[in-house]
C-alpha atoms as a PDB file:
ATOM      1  CA  MET A   1     -16.944 -13.304 -12.645  1.00  0.00           C
ATOM      2  CA  LEU A   2     -19.184 -16.457 -12.167  1.00  0.00           C
ATOM      3  CA  ARG A   3     -17.555 -19.957 -14.003  1.00  0.00           C
ATOM      4  CA  ILE A   4     -19.665 -23.100 -14.715  1.00  0.00           C
ATOM      5  CA  GLY A   5     -17.792 -26.069 -15.498  1.00  0.00           C
ATOM      6  CA  ASN A   6     -19.123 -29.087 -17.249  1.00  0.00           C
ATOM      7  CA  GLN A   7     -16.334 -31.482 -17.710  1.00  0.00           C
ATOM      8  CA  HIS A   8     -18.062 -33.498 -20.874  1.00  0.00           C
ATOM      9  CA  GLY A   9     -18.495 -30.092 -23.008  1.00  0.00           C
ATOM     10  CA  MET A  10     -18.060 -26.443 -23.347  1.00  0.00           C
ATOM     11  CA  ARG A  11     -17.603 -24.573 -20.251  1.00  0.00           C
ATOM     12  CA  HIS A  12     -18.988 -20.738 -20.346  1.00  0.00           C
ATOM     13  CA  SER A  13     -17.710 -17.840 -18.198  1.00  0.00           C
ATOM     14  CA  ALA A  14     -19.889 -14.733 -17.528  1.00  0.00           C
ATOM     15  CA  ALA A  15     -19.799 -11.300 -15.665  1.00  0.00           C
ATOM     16  CA  VAL A  16     -23.067 -10.842 -13.911  1.00  0.00           C
ATOM     17  CA  GLY A  17     -24.159  -7.162 -13.277  1.00  0.00           C
ATOM     18  CA  ALA A  18     -25.431  -5.425 -10.179  1.00  0.00           C
ATOM     19  CA  ASN A  19     -28.977  -5.980 -11.726  1.00  0.00           C
ATOM     20  CA  GLY A  20     -28.334  -9.901 -12.218  1.00  0.00           C
ATOM     21  CA  ASN A  21     -28.166  -9.824 -16.009  1.00  0.00           C
ATOM     22  CA  THR A  22     -25.595 -11.362 -17.747  1.00  0.00           C
ATOM     23  CA  THR A  23     -23.100  -8.715 -19.264  1.00  0.00           C
ATOM     24  CA  GLU A  24     -20.575 -11.080 -21.323  1.00  0.00           C
ATOM     25  CA  SER A  25     -19.725 -14.716 -22.134  1.00  0.00           C
ATOM     26  CA  GLU A  26     -17.183 -16.278 -23.414  1.00  0.00           C
ATOM     27  CA  VAL A  27     -16.236 -20.357 -24.666  1.00  0.00           C
ATOM     28  CA  ILE A  28     -13.771 -22.112 -22.490  1.00  0.00           C
ATOM     29  CA  PRO A  29     -12.387 -25.303 -23.692  1.00  0.00           C
ATOM     30  CA  PRO A  30     -13.581 -28.396 -21.592  1.00  0.00           C
ATOM     31  CA  LEU A  31     -11.438 -29.825 -18.701  1.00  0.00           C
ATOM     32  CA  SER A  32      -8.716 -32.255 -19.810  1.00  0.00           C
ATOM     33  CA  SER A  33      -8.552 -35.722 -18.942  1.00  0.00           C
ATOM     34  CA  GLU A  34      -5.990 -34.810 -16.450  1.00  0.00           C
ATOM     35  CA  ALA A  35      -7.902 -32.377 -14.759  1.00  0.00           C
ATOM     36  CA  GLN A  36     -11.044 -34.305 -14.632  1.00  0.00           C
ATOM     37  CA  ALA A  37      -9.480 -36.943 -12.917  1.00  0.00           C
ATOM     38  CA  ILE A  38      -7.807 -34.358 -10.197  1.00  0.00           C
ATOM     39  CA  ASN A  39     -11.116 -33.018  -9.344  1.00  0.00           C
ATOM     40  CA  SER A  40     -12.520 -36.419  -9.256  1.00  0.00           C
ATOM     41  CA  LEU A  41      -9.926 -37.556  -6.510  1.00  0.00           C
ATOM     42  CA  CYS A  42     -10.428 -34.381  -4.807  1.00  0.00           C
ATOM     43  CA  ALA A  43     -14.044 -34.248  -4.801  1.00  0.00           C
ATOM     44  CA  ASP A  44     -14.089 -38.091  -3.411  1.00  0.00           C
ATOM     45  CA  SER A  45     -11.405 -37.385  -0.992  1.00  0.00           C
ATOM     46  CA  GLY A  46     -13.186 -34.243   0.721  1.00  0.00           C
ATOM     47  CA  LEU A  47      -9.878 -32.618  -0.169  1.00  0.00           C
ATOM     48  CA  ALA A  48      -9.849 -28.569   0.062  1.00  0.00           C
ATOM     49  CA  PRO A  49     -10.143 -26.638  -3.207  1.00  0.00           C
ATOM     50  CA  ASP A  50      -7.001 -24.700  -2.988  1.00  0.00           C
ATOM     51  CA  LEU A  51      -5.347 -28.353  -2.841  1.00  0.00           C
ATOM     52  CA  ALA A  52      -7.302 -29.199  -6.019  1.00  0.00           C
ATOM     53  CA  ARG A  53      -5.510 -26.118  -7.603  1.00  0.00           C
ATOM     54  CA  ALA A  54      -1.850 -26.738  -6.250  1.00  0.00           C
ATOM     55  CA  LEU A  55      -2.210 -30.532  -7.924  1.00  0.00           C
ATOM     56  CA  LEU A  56      -3.327 -29.120 -10.809  1.00  0.00           C
ATOM     57  CA  ALA A  57      -0.513 -26.776 -11.013  1.00  0.00           C
ATOM     58  CA  ASP A  58       1.840 -29.809 -10.610  1.00  0.00           C
ATOM     59  CA  SER A  59       0.570 -32.342 -12.904  1.00  0.00           C
ATOM     60  CA  HIS A  60       3.056 -31.450 -15.287  1.00  0.00           C
ATOM     61  CA  LEU A  61       5.638 -33.367 -13.071  1.00  0.00           C
ATOM     62  CA  PRO A  62       6.297 -36.588 -12.533  1.00  0.00           C
ATOM     63  CA  LEU A  63       3.863 -37.477  -9.469  1.00  0.00           C
ATOM     64  CA  VAL A  64       1.414 -39.539  -8.046  1.00  0.00           C
ATOM     65  CA  VAL A  65      -1.486 -39.441  -5.576  1.00  0.00           C
ATOM     66  CA  CYS A  66      -1.347 -42.455  -3.072  1.00  0.00           C
ATOM     67  CA  GLU A  67      -2.090 -44.061   0.476  1.00  0.00           C
ATOM     68  CA  THR A  68      -0.388 -45.242   2.981  1.00  0.00           C
ATOM     69  CA  THR A  69      -0.290 -48.592   1.933  1.00  0.00           C
ATOM     70  CA  GLY A  70       1.462 -47.286  -1.369  1.00  0.00           C
ATOM     71  CA  GLU A  71      -1.449 -47.910  -3.580  1.00  0.00           C
ATOM     72  CA  ILE A  72      -1.888 -45.249  -6.289  1.00  0.00           C
ATOM     73  CA  VAL A  73      -5.082 -43.234  -6.764  1.00  0.00           C
ATOM     74  CA  PHE A  74      -3.960 -40.440  -9.361  1.00  0.00           C
ATOM     75  CA  ALA A  75      -0.907 -40.839 -11.215  1.00  0.00           C
ATOM     76  CA  SER A  76       0.260 -37.769 -13.792  1.00  0.00           C
ATOM     77  CA  ARG A  77       1.088 -38.175 -17.930  1.00  0.00           C
ATOM     78  CA  ALA A  78       4.436 -37.680 -16.995  1.00  0.00           C
ATOM     79  CA  THR A  79       4.957 -40.432 -14.345  1.00  0.00           C
ATOM     80  CA  GLY A  80       3.654 -43.031 -17.376  1.00  0.00           C
ATOM     81  CA  ASP A  81       6.195 -41.069 -19.359  1.00  0.00           C
ATOM     82  CA  LEU A  82       9.181 -41.819 -17.018  1.00  0.00           C
ATOM     83  CA  LEU A  83       8.171 -45.323 -16.198  1.00  0.00           C
ATOM     84  CA  GLY A  84       7.402 -46.376 -19.751  1.00  0.00           C
ATOM     85  CA  VAL A  85       3.423 -47.356 -19.193  1.00  0.00           C
ATOM     86  CA  SER A  86       0.339 -45.397 -19.413  1.00  0.00           C
ATOM     87  CA  ALA A  87      -0.763 -43.327 -16.435  1.00  0.00           C
ATOM     88  CA  GLY A  88      -3.877 -45.081 -15.708  1.00  0.00           C
ATOM     89  CA  SER A  89      -2.163 -48.311 -15.786  1.00  0.00           C
ATOM     90  CA  LEU A  90      -0.904 -47.025 -12.412  1.00  0.00           C
ATOM     91  CA  VAL A  91      -4.063 -46.580 -10.586  1.00  0.00           C
ATOM     92  CA  GLY A  92      -5.030 -49.231  -8.190  1.00  0.00           C
ATOM     93  CA  GLY A  93      -1.451 -50.753  -8.176  1.00  0.00           C
ATOM     94  CA  ARG A  94       1.863 -49.882  -6.699  1.00  0.00           C
ATOM     95  CA  LEU A  95       4.468 -48.050  -8.191  1.00  0.00           C
ATOM     96  CA  PRO A  96       6.713 -50.785 -10.242  1.00  0.00           C
ATOM     97  CA  ILE A  97      10.407 -50.444  -8.501  1.00  0.00           C
ATOM     98  CA  ALA A  98      12.538 -53.267  -8.903  1.00  0.00           C
ATOM     99  CA  GLY A  99      13.854 -55.165  -5.565  1.00  0.00           C
ATOM    100  CA  GLY A 100      11.123 -57.584  -4.867  1.00  0.00           C
ATOM    101  CA  PRO A 101       9.578 -57.776  -1.655  1.00  0.00           C
ATOM    102  CA  GLU A 102      12.275 -56.334   0.052  1.00  0.00           C
ATOM    103  CA  ALA A 103      12.169 -52.882  -1.515  1.00  0.00           C
ATOM    104  CA  GLU A 104       8.525 -52.786  -1.764  1.00  0.00           C
ATOM    105  CA  ALA A 105       8.363 -53.318   2.344  1.00  0.00           C
ATOM    106  CA  GLU A 106      10.886 -50.818   2.482  1.00  0.00           C
ATOM    107  CA  ARG A 107       9.046 -48.537   0.328  1.00  0.00           C
ATOM    108  CA  GLN A 108       5.876 -48.622   2.393  1.00  0.00           C
ATOM    109  CA  GLY A 109       7.647 -47.995   5.724  1.00  0.00           C
ATOM    110  CA  PHE A 110       8.714 -44.888   4.506  1.00  0.00           C
ATOM    111  CA  LEU A 111       4.857 -43.964   3.205  1.00  0.00           C
ATOM    112  CA  ARG A 112       3.555 -45.137   6.696  1.00  0.00           C
ATOM    113  CA  ARG A 113       5.968 -42.892   8.452  1.00  0.00           C
ATOM    114  CA  ALA A 114       5.412 -39.786   6.316  1.00  0.00           C
ATOM    115  CA  GLY A 115       1.331 -40.253   7.013  1.00  0.00           C
ATOM    116  CA  ASN A 116       1.768 -40.721  10.779  1.00  0.00           C
ATOM    117  CA  THR A 117       4.620 -38.117  11.246  1.00  0.00           C
ATOM    118  CA  GLY A 118       2.922 -35.248   8.322  1.00  0.00           C
ATOM    119  CA  ARG A 119       6.854 -34.666   8.068  1.00  0.00           C
ATOM    120  CA  PRO A 120       7.711 -34.069   4.429  1.00  0.00           C
ATOM    121  CA  THR A 121      10.005 -36.730   3.777  1.00  0.00           C
ATOM    122  CA  LEU A 122      12.630 -37.000   1.428  1.00  0.00           C
ATOM    123  CA  ILE A 123      13.420 -40.375  -0.285  1.00  0.00           C
ATOM    124  CA  LEU A 124      17.031 -40.433  -2.097  1.00  0.00           C
ATOM    125  CA  GLU A 125      16.418 -43.668  -4.604  1.00  0.00           C
ATOM    126  CA  VAL A 126      16.908 -44.764  -8.368  1.00  0.00           C
ATOM    127  CA  ILE A 127      13.867 -44.835 -10.343  1.00  0.00           C
ATOM    128  CA  ALA A 128      13.735 -45.992 -13.983  1.00  0.00           C
ATOM    129  CA  GLY A 129      17.900 -46.496 -13.789  1.00  0.00           C
ATOM    130  CA  MET A 130      18.259 -42.884 -12.891  1.00  0.00           C
ATOM    131  CA  PRO A 131      18.789 -41.114  -9.486  1.00  0.00           C
ATOM    132  CA  CYS A 132      15.534 -39.605  -8.008  1.00  0.00           C
ATOM    133  CA  ARG A 133      15.090 -37.336  -5.072  1.00  0.00           C
ATOM    134  CA  THR A 134      11.213 -38.394  -4.351  1.00  0.00           C
ATOM    135  CA  VAL A 135       9.469 -35.654  -2.114  1.00  0.00           C
ATOM    136  CA  VAL A 136       6.567 -37.040  -0.127  1.00  0.00           C
ATOM    137  CA  ARG A 137       3.790 -35.031   1.332  1.00  0.00           C
ATOM    138  CA  ARG A 138       0.785 -35.900   3.320  1.00  0.00           C
ATOM    139  CA  MET A 139      -2.258 -34.425   1.260  1.00  0.00           C
ATOM    140  CA  SER A 140      -4.791 -35.487   4.067  1.00  0.00           C
ATOM    141  CA  PRO A 141      -4.707 -36.103   7.730  1.00  0.00           C
ATOM    142  CA  ALA A 142      -4.082 -39.768   8.773  1.00  0.00           C
ATOM    143  CA  SER A 143      -7.065 -41.350  10.274  1.00  0.00           C
ATOM    144  CA  GLY A 144      -7.111 -44.530  12.558  1.00  0.00           C
ATOM    145  CA  ALA A 145      -4.095 -46.368  13.943  1.00  0.00           C
ATOM    146  CA  ASP A 146      -3.014 -47.512  10.256  1.00  0.00           C
ATOM    147  CA  GLY A 147      -2.188 -44.175   9.600  1.00  0.00           C
ATOM    148  CA  GLN A 148      -4.602 -43.869   6.481  1.00  0.00           C
ATOM    149  CA  GLY A 149      -4.528 -40.852   4.714  1.00  0.00           C
ATOM    150  CA  LEU A 150      -3.218 -39.115   0.991  1.00  0.00           C
ATOM    151  CA  LEU A 151       0.384 -38.974   0.317  1.00  0.00           C
ATOM    152  CA  LEU A 152       1.553 -36.434  -2.608  1.00  0.00           C
ATOM    153  CA  CYS A 153       5.037 -38.105  -3.894  1.00  0.00           C
ATOM    154  CA  ILE A 154       6.845 -35.818  -7.029  1.00  0.00           C
ATOM    155  CA  PHE A 155       9.818 -37.573  -8.546  1.00  0.00           C
ATOM    156  CA  HIS A 156      12.945 -35.216  -9.277  1.00  0.00           C
ATOM    157  CA  THR A 157      14.911 -37.403 -11.486  1.00  0.00           C
ATOM    158  CA  GLY A 158      18.322 -36.099 -12.652  1.00  0.00           C
ATOM    159  CA  PRO A 159      21.986 -36.029 -10.857  1.00  0.00           C
ATOM    160  CA  ALA A 160      22.597 -38.203  -7.703  1.00  0.00           C
ATOM    161  CA  SER A 161      23.770 -35.565  -4.903  1.00  0.00           C
ATOM    162  CA  ALA A 162      24.029 -36.425  -1.186  1.00  0.00           C
ATOM    163  CA  GLU A 163      21.446 -34.930   1.161  1.00  0.00           C
ATOM    164  CA  THR A 164      22.475 -31.428   2.391  1.00  0.00           C
ATOM    165  CA  ALA A 165      21.995 -29.501   5.613  1.00  0.00           C
ATOM    166  CA  GLU A 166      19.358 -27.410   3.916  1.00  0.00           C
ATOM    167  CA  ASP A 167      17.276 -30.896   2.920  1.00  0.00           C
ATOM    168  CA  HIS A 168      17.745 -32.162   6.392  1.00  0.00           C
ATOM    169  CA  ALA A 169      15.729 -28.670   7.851  1.00  0.00           C
ATOM    170  CA  HIS A 170      13.268 -29.043   5.392  1.00  0.00           C
ATOM    171  CA  TYR A 171      12.793 -32.967   5.146  1.00  0.00           C
ATOM    172  CA  GLU A 172      12.928 -36.042   6.917  1.00  0.00           C
ATOM    173  CA  VAL A 173      15.680 -37.664   4.555  1.00  0.00           C
ATOM    174  CA  VAL A 174      15.590 -41.052   4.256  1.00  0.00           C
ATOM    175  CA  HIS A 175      18.138 -43.882   1.722  1.00  0.00           C
ATOM    176  CA  ALA A 176      16.417 -46.590  -0.195  1.00  0.00           C
ATOM    177  CA  ARG A 177      18.747 -49.306   0.518  1.00  0.00           C
ATOM    178  CA  ARG A 178      16.743 -52.260  -0.740  1.00  0.00           C
ATOM    179  CA  GLY A 179      15.654 -51.133  -4.297  1.00  0.00           C
ATOM    180  CA  PRO A 180      17.773 -50.952  -7.859  1.00  0.00           C
ATOM    181  CA  ARG A 181      21.227 -49.940  -7.602  1.00  0.00           C
ATOM    182  CA  MET A 182      22.771 -47.113  -9.856  1.00  0.00           C
ATOM    183  CA  PRO A 183      23.643 -48.248 -13.113  1.00  0.00           C
ATOM    184  CA  THR A 184      26.946 -46.591 -12.742  1.00  0.00           C
ATOM    185  CA  GLU A 185      27.810 -48.371  -9.698  1.00  0.00           C
ATOM    186  CA  ASP A 186      29.650 -51.341 -11.228  1.00  0.00           C
ATOM    187  CA  LEU A 187      31.452 -49.071 -13.298  1.00  0.00           C
ATOM    188  CA  THR A 188      35.703 -48.486 -12.954  1.00  0.00           C
ATOM    189  CA  GLU A 189      36.590 -44.949 -12.262  1.00  0.00           C
ATOM    190  CA  ALA A 190      38.641 -45.336 -15.745  1.00  0.00           C
ATOM    191  CA  GLU A 191      35.060 -46.192 -17.263  1.00  0.00           C
ATOM    192  CA  LEU A 192      33.429 -43.312 -15.729  1.00  0.00           C
ATOM    193  CA  ARG A 193      36.490 -41.218 -17.178  1.00  0.00           C
ATOM    194  CA  VAL A 194      36.235 -42.340 -20.510  1.00  0.00           C
ATOM    195  CA  LEU A 195      32.046 -42.398 -20.349  1.00  0.00           C
ATOM    196  CA  ARG A 196      32.391 -38.401 -19.728  1.00  0.00           C
ATOM    197  CA  LEU A 197      34.834 -37.802 -22.281  1.00  0.00           C
ATOM    198  CA  ILE A 198      32.687 -39.601 -25.138  1.00  0.00           C
ATOM    199  CA  ALA A 199      30.004 -37.880 -23.901  1.00  0.00           C
ATOM    200  CA  MET A 200      31.753 -34.347 -24.289  1.00  0.00           C
ATOM    201  CA  GLY A 201      32.202 -35.456 -28.269  1.00  0.00           C
ATOM    202  CA  HIS A 202      35.976 -36.530 -27.742  1.00  0.00           C
ATOM    203  CA  THR A 203      37.342 -38.979 -30.293  1.00  0.00           C
ATOM    204  CA  SER A 204      39.128 -42.249 -28.886  1.00  0.00           C
ATOM    205  CA  GLY A 205      42.222 -40.527 -29.849  1.00  0.00           C
ATOM    206  CA  GLU A 206      41.753 -37.367 -28.209  1.00  0.00           C
ATOM    207  CA  ILE A 207      40.623 -39.239 -25.033  1.00  0.00           C
ATOM    208  CA  GLY A 208      43.624 -41.502 -24.832  1.00  0.00           C
ATOM    209  CA  ARG A 209      45.753 -38.251 -24.971  1.00  0.00           C
ATOM    210  CA  LEU A 210      43.577 -37.020 -22.306  1.00  0.00           C
ATOM    211  CA  ILE A 211      44.254 -39.803 -20.046  1.00  0.00           C
ATOM    212  CA  HIS A 212      47.709 -40.486 -21.282  1.00  0.00           C
ATOM    213  CA  ARG A 213      46.408 -44.023 -22.673  1.00  0.00           C
ATOM    214  CA  SER A 214      46.455 -46.109 -25.944  1.00  0.00           C
ATOM    215  CA  VAL A 215      43.791 -45.665 -28.187  1.00  0.00           C
ATOM    216  CA  LYS A 216      43.351 -49.356 -27.828  1.00  0.00           C
ATOM    217  CA  THR A 217      42.792 -48.963 -24.310  1.00  0.00           C
ATOM    218  CA  VAL A 218      39.967 -46.295 -24.521  1.00  0.00           C
ATOM    219  CA  GLU A 219      38.487 -48.815 -27.312  1.00  0.00           C
ATOM    220  CA  TRP A 220      38.565 -51.512 -24.536  1.00  0.00           C
ATOM    221  CA  HIS A 221      37.319 -49.213 -22.009  1.00  0.00           C
ATOM    222  CA  ARG A 222      34.388 -48.623 -24.585  1.00  0.00           C
ATOM    223  CA  SER A 223      33.640 -52.103 -25.020  1.00  0.00           C
ATOM    224  CA  SER A 224      33.474 -52.360 -21.481  1.00  0.00           C
ATOM    225  CA  LEU A 225      30.842 -49.622 -21.368  1.00  0.00           C
ATOM    226  CA  GLY A 226      28.739 -51.068 -23.823  1.00  0.00           C
ATOM    227  CA  ARG A 227      28.800 -54.740 -22.167  1.00  0.00           C
ATOM    228  CA  LYS A 228      27.785 -53.224 -18.423  1.00  0.00           C
ATOM    229  CA  LEU A 229      25.404 -50.864 -19.936  1.00  0.00           C
ATOM    230  CA  GLY A 230      23.729 -52.530 -22.644  1.00  0.00           C
ATOM    231  CA  LEU A 231      24.482 -49.751 -25.080  1.00  0.00           C
ATOM    232  CA  SER A 232      26.528 -50.164 -28.259  1.00  0.00           C
ATOM    233  CA  THR A 233      27.079 -46.973 -29.810  1.00  0.00           C
ATOM    234  CA  ARG A 234      28.425 -43.235 -28.826  1.00  0.00           C
ATOM    235  CA  ILE A 235      25.168 -41.961 -29.058  1.00  0.00           C
ATOM    236  CA  GLU A 236      23.695 -44.253 -26.637  1.00  0.00           C
ATOM    237  CA  LEU A 237      26.528 -44.113 -24.619  1.00  0.00           C
ATOM    238  CA  THR A 238      26.063 -39.819 -24.539  1.00  0.00           C
ATOM    239  CA  ARG A 239      22.708 -40.034 -23.811  1.00  0.00           C
ATOM    240  CA  PHE A 240      22.917 -42.371 -21.034  1.00  0.00           C
ATOM    241  CA  ALA A 241      25.753 -39.927 -19.721  1.00  0.00           C
ATOM    242  CA  HIS A 242      23.580 -37.109 -19.539  1.00  0.00           C
ATOM    243  CA  ARG A 243      20.674 -38.483 -17.895  1.00  0.00           C
ATOM    244  CA  GLN A 244      22.826 -39.736 -15.045  1.00  0.00           C
ATOM    245  CA  GLY A 245      24.087 -36.553 -14.897  1.00  0.00           C
ATOM    246  CA  LEU A 246      27.584 -37.080 -15.502  1.00  0.00           C
ATOM    247  CA  VAL A 247      28.221 -34.259 -17.842  1.00  0.00           C
ATOM    248  CA  ASP A 248      27.411 -30.381 -17.214  1.00  0.00           C
ATOM    249  CA  LEU A 249      24.790 -30.035 -19.571  1.00  0.00           C
ATOM    250  CA  GLY A 250      25.867 -25.945 -19.460  1.00  0.00           C
ATOM    251  CA  GLY A 251      28.870 -26.632 -21.196  1.00  0.00           C
ATOM    252  CA  VAL A 252      32.071 -27.944 -19.725  1.00  0.00           C
ATOM    253  CA  THR A 253      35.935 -26.854 -20.612  1.00  0.00           C
ATOM    254  CA  LEU A 254      38.207 -30.016 -19.729  1.00  0.00           C
ATOM    255  CA  GLN A 255      41.864 -29.478 -18.584  1.00  0.00           C
ATOM    256  CA  ALA A 256      43.875 -31.755 -19.957  1.00  0.00           C
ATOM    257  CA  PRO A 257      46.397 -33.577 -17.132  1.00  0.00           C
ATOM    258  CA  GLU A 258      49.299 -31.677 -16.828  1.00  0.00           C
ATOM    259  CA  GLY A 259      51.996 -33.299 -19.432  1.00  0.00           C
ATOM    260  CA  ALA A 260      49.076 -34.336 -21.756  1.00  0.00           C
ATOM    261  CA  ALA A 261      49.973 -33.542 -25.570  1.00  0.00           C
ATOM    262  CA  PRO A 262      47.395 -30.996 -26.801  1.00  0.00           C
ATOM    263  CA  ALA A 263      44.975 -32.449 -29.090  1.00  0.00           C
ATOM    264  CA  ALA A 264      45.536 -32.315 -32.736  1.00  0.00           C
ATOM    265  CA  PRO A 265      43.776 -29.253 -34.358  1.00  0.00           C
ATOM    266  CA  ARG A 266      41.145 -30.106 -36.671  1.00  0.00           C
ATOM    267  CA  GLY A 267      41.751 -29.194 -40.448  1.00  0.00           C
ATOM    268  CA  PRO A 268      39.352 -27.402 -42.829  1.00  0.00           C
ATOM    269  CA  GLY A 269      35.548 -29.357 -42.752  1.00  0.00           C
ATOM    270  CA  ARG A 270      36.155 -31.226 -39.810  1.00  0.00           C
ATOM    271  CA  ARG A 271      34.647 -29.217 -37.420  1.00  0.00           C
ATOM    272  CA  ARG A 272      32.442 -31.374 -35.248  1.00  0.00           C
ATOM    273  CA  SER A 273      29.453 -30.386 -33.080  1.00  0.00           C
ATOM    274  CA  VAL A 274      27.611 -32.664 -31.146  1.00  0.00           C
ATOM    275  CA  SER A 275      23.512 -32.354 -30.735  1.00  0.00           C
ATOM    276  CA  ILE A 276      21.783 -34.607 -27.944  1.00  0.00           C
ATOM    277  CA  GLN A 277      18.301 -35.765 -27.915  1.00  0.00           C
ATOM    278  CA  LEU A 278      17.684 -36.238 -24.148  1.00  0.00           C
ATOM    279  CA  ASP A 279      14.714 -38.337 -23.022  1.00  0.00           C
ATOM    280  CA  GLY A 280      12.025 -35.963 -21.776  1.00  0.00           C
ATOM    281  CA  PRO A 281      12.235 -32.890 -19.956  1.00  0.00           C
ATOM    282  CA  PRO A 282      14.593 -31.700 -17.191  1.00  0.00           C
ATOM    283  CA  ALA A 283      13.602 -32.395 -13.723  1.00  0.00           C
ATOM    284  CA  ARG A 284      12.142 -29.149 -11.692  1.00  0.00           C
ATOM    285  CA  SER A 285      13.455 -28.891  -8.060  1.00  0.00           C
END
């Protein structure tokens, strides 16, 4: 099968027989802007075609291709969605990370080391207010003493988790110490417990019975959560809890503490269902 591509218009695919004549033809949609950008990147950088195919296959993920200095040469649309900006606006700059010059220098050090050693690196950090496992792989060999080369960074956002023995077997694991903190770090254990129960759909009365506290105390914790997180409604708190991985999306059965009064049964017509609209697709591992 002979395939001829044209980024500006139609592409055609034709089977060529032994006599050299074309036997069939089909119209193929033109390349997407993202595919065009990947093809141009690989052509300009001299990357192997299989790398271009692999990059295109993963382009639905939040990822960037950058130099070891951190300068971005390609950003997927999903990265722009994650950061709340257009993907094109990221090209030519560095990943916008809170924390100031110290955080920028720390991240640049991680990238430079990954470029020099060629070993895949796992950065445990916070991006867009969410825990993130950023996997950094070298795409092209480092050249020169400054370790210049291209790196692929894929951002897996989701529940925070400590590094495992398996992580250390495959990556050099590093923790971002200078960047932004997790939004939940300023919450007390009591506030976290109330937040989880709110996200699971429990009323203030039910939460009070489950944690042996008055409704007034539960409402006080809820107000404190709103002040600390800048969220005012139960829906906002629920979305935040799910984005932070504080609640099992597969469904959780909560066991009341020993001696706690059971939640009052709901009367007819008071059946409650909770529907949560998450902000984007789940992270892929």
